[in-house]
Amino acid sequence: MTDSDVVHIGLQAMLLSAKLGFPILLVALGIGFAVSLVQAVTQVQEMTLSFVPKLIGVALVLLVSGHWMLQETVGFTRDMFALLPQLLD
């Protein structure tokens, strides 16, 4: 196993985690922005008000894209196990 192999595997892992986390973070950001905008307009400054919509939004994203996320993770794991004999040389 060379240094470039380690860097390549690390890069693939970071790209996978970014790809899997992006939809969740994007929805949480959008909902947080919308709730903040509503709070600014109505002058209701309750910190716990944005928690429930974010929780529901993230749960919906996980429900919709969970299968795809699992497929991506299993594919990455299969690739790593297939690469294992080559790395042990």
C-alpha atoms as a PDB file:
ATOM      1  CA  MET A   1       0.000   0.000   0.000  1.00  0.00           C
ATOM      2  CA  THR A   2       1.514   3.279  -1.061  1.00  0.00           C
ATOM      3  CA  ASP A   3       0.857   6.791   0.119  1.00  0.00           C
ATOM      4  CA  SER A   4      -1.102   7.573  -3.018  1.00  0.00           C
ATOM      5  CA  ASP A   5      -3.420   4.603  -2.330  1.00  0.00           C
ATOM      6  CA  VAL A   6      -4.162   5.937   1.147  1.00  0.00           C
ATOM      7  CA  VAL A   7      -4.789   9.433  -0.193  1.00  0.00           C
ATOM      8  CA  HIS A   8      -7.058   8.060  -2.929  1.00  0.00           C
ATOM      9  CA  ILE A   9      -9.122   6.018  -0.462  1.00  0.00           C
ATOM     10  CA  GLY A  10      -9.361   8.984   1.909  1.00  0.00           C
ATOM     11  CA  LEU A  11     -10.459  11.256  -0.922  1.00  0.00           C
ATOM     12  CA  GLN A  12     -13.138   8.776  -1.993  1.00  0.00           C
ATOM     13  CA  ALA A  13     -14.399   8.523   1.592  1.00  0.00           C
ATOM     14  CA  MET A  14     -14.574  12.300   1.979  1.00  0.00           C
ATOM     15  CA  LEU A  15     -16.377  12.706  -1.347  1.00  0.00           C
ATOM     16  CA  LEU A  16     -18.878  10.027  -0.361  1.00  0.00           C
ATOM     17  CA  SER A  17     -19.561  11.660   2.994  1.00  0.00           C
ATOM     18  CA  ALA A  18     -20.015  15.047   1.312  1.00  0.00           C
ATOM     19  CA  LYS A  19     -22.339  13.534  -1.288  1.00  0.00           C
ATOM     20  CA  LEU A  20     -24.428  11.813   1.382  1.00  0.00           C
ATOM     21  CA  GLY A  21     -24.558  14.783   3.732  1.00  0.00           C
ATOM     22  CA  PHE A  22     -25.332  17.455   1.137  1.00  0.00           C
ATOM     23  CA  PRO A  23     -29.107  16.812   0.773  1.00  0.00           C
ATOM     24  CA  ILE A  24     -29.636  16.761   4.535  1.00  0.00           C
ATOM     25  CA  LEU A  25     -27.608  19.906   5.115  1.00  0.00           C
ATOM     26  CA  LEU A  26     -29.266  21.718   2.214  1.00  0.00           C
ATOM     27  CA  VAL A  27     -32.776  20.991   3.522  1.00  0.00           C
ATOM     28  CA  ALA A  28     -31.826  21.956   7.088  1.00  0.00           C
ATOM     29  CA  LEU A  29     -30.288  25.194   5.794  1.00  0.00           C
ATOM     30  CA  GLY A  30     -33.323  26.043   3.670  1.00  0.00           C
ATOM     31  CA  ILE A  31     -35.800  25.346   6.455  1.00  0.00           C
ATOM     32  CA  GLY A  32     -33.680  27.244   8.970  1.00  0.00           C
ATOM     33  CA  PHE A  33     -33.498  30.234   6.641  1.00  0.00           C
ATOM     34  CA  ALA A  34     -37.264  30.195   6.021  1.00  0.00           C
ATOM     35  CA  VAL A  35     -38.077  29.940   9.734  1.00  0.00           C
ATOM     36  CA  SER A  36     -35.607  32.732  10.524  1.00  0.00           C
ATOM     37  CA  LEU A  37     -37.222  34.911   7.892  1.00  0.00           C
ATOM     38  CA  VAL A  38     -40.677  34.273   9.355  1.00  0.00           C
ATOM     39  CA  GLN A  39     -39.380  34.976  12.859  1.00  0.00           C
ATOM     40  CA  ALA A  40     -37.812  38.245  11.703  1.00  0.00           C
ATOM     41  CA  VAL A  41     -41.015  39.360   9.999  1.00  0.00           C
ATOM     42  CA  THR A  42     -43.289  38.430  12.899  1.00  0.00           C
ATOM     43  CA  GLN A  43     -40.735  39.402  15.591  1.00  0.00           C
ATOM     44  CA  VAL A  44     -41.211  36.065  17.338  1.00  0.00           C
ATOM     45  CA  GLN A  45     -37.769  35.185  18.696  1.00  0.00           C
ATOM     46  CA  GLU A  46     -38.242  31.655  19.971  1.00  0.00           C
ATOM     47  CA  MET A  47     -35.144  29.486  19.538  1.00  0.00           C
ATOM     48  CA  THR A  48     -36.982  26.161  19.712  1.00  0.00           C
ATOM     49  CA  LEU A  49     -39.395  27.113  16.917  1.00  0.00           C
ATOM     50  CA  SER A  50     -37.016  26.060  14.134  1.00  0.00           C
ATOM     51  CA  PHE A  51     -36.203  22.644  15.628  1.00  0.00           C
ATOM     52  CA  VAL A  52     -39.412  20.795  14.725  1.00  0.00           C
ATOM     53  CA  PRO A  53     -39.581  21.892  11.053  1.00  0.00           C
ATOM     54  CA  LYS A  54     -35.904  20.996  10.607  1.00  0.00           C
ATOM     55  CA  LEU A  55     -36.474  17.621  12.236  1.00  0.00           C
ATOM     56  CA  ILE A  56     -39.439  16.904   9.958  1.00  0.00           C
ATOM     57  CA  GLY A  57     -37.544  18.094   6.862  1.00  0.00           C
ATOM     58  CA  VAL A  58     -34.485  15.985   7.618  1.00  0.00           C
ATOM     59  CA  ALA A  59     -36.682  12.961   8.342  1.00  0.00           C
ATOM     60  CA  LEU A  60     -38.418  13.399   4.980  1.00  0.00           C
ATOM     61  CA  VAL A  61     -35.093  13.698   3.164  1.00  0.00           C
ATOM     62  CA  LEU A  62     -33.861  10.534   4.853  1.00  0.00           C
ATOM     63  CA  LEU A  63     -37.110   8.771   3.979  1.00  0.00           C
ATOM     64  CA  VAL A  64     -36.903   9.808   0.321  1.00  0.00           C
ATOM     65  CA  SER A  65     -33.166   9.433  -0.283  1.00  0.00           C
ATOM     66  CA  GLY A  66     -32.284   6.789   2.298  1.00  0.00           C
ATOM     67  CA  HIS A  67     -32.285   3.986  -0.251  1.00  0.00           C
ATOM     68  CA  TRP A  68     -29.880   5.886  -2.506  1.00  0.00           C
ATOM     69  CA  MET A  69     -27.624   6.707   0.453  1.00  0.00           C
ATOM     70  CA  LEU A  70     -27.528   3.058   1.468  1.00  0.00           C
ATOM     71  CA  GLN A  71     -26.715   1.979  -2.097  1.00  0.00           C
ATOM     72  CA  GLU A  72     -23.846   4.475  -2.282  1.00  0.00           C
ATOM     73  CA  THR A  73     -22.436   3.329   1.056  1.00  0.00           C
ATOM     74  CA  VAL A  74     -22.715  -0.362   0.164  1.00  0.00           C
ATOM     75  CA  GLY A  75     -21.079   0.302  -3.212  1.00  0.00           C
ATOM     76  CA  PHE A  76     -18.183   2.095  -1.551  1.00  0.00           C
ATOM     77  CA  THR A  77     -17.774  -0.742   0.936  1.00  0.00           C
ATOM     78  CA  ARG A  78     -17.811  -3.350  -1.841  1.00  0.00           C
ATOM     79  CA  ASP A  79     -15.183  -1.384  -3.733  1.00  0.00           C
ATOM     80  CA  MET A  80     -12.997  -1.241  -0.632  1.00  0.00           C
ATOM     81  CA  PHE A  81     -13.300  -4.980  -0.032  1.00  0.00           C
ATOM     82  CA  ALA A  82     -12.565  -5.683  -3.713  1.00  0.00           C
ATOM     83  CA  LEU A  83      -9.486  -3.452  -3.465  1.00  0.00           C
ATOM     84  CA  LEU A  84      -8.231  -5.133  -0.293  1.00  0.00           C
ATOM     85  CA  PRO A  85      -6.213  -7.972  -1.890  1.00  0.00           C
ATOM     86  CA  GLN A  86      -4.516  -5.497  -4.209  1.00  0.00           C
ATOM     87  CA  LEU A  87      -3.599  -3.251  -1.285  1.00  0.00           C
ATOM     88  CA  LEU A  88      -2.087  -6.094   0.730  1.00  0.00           C
ATOM     89  CA  ASP A  89       0.530  -6.841  -1.942  1.00  0.00           C
END
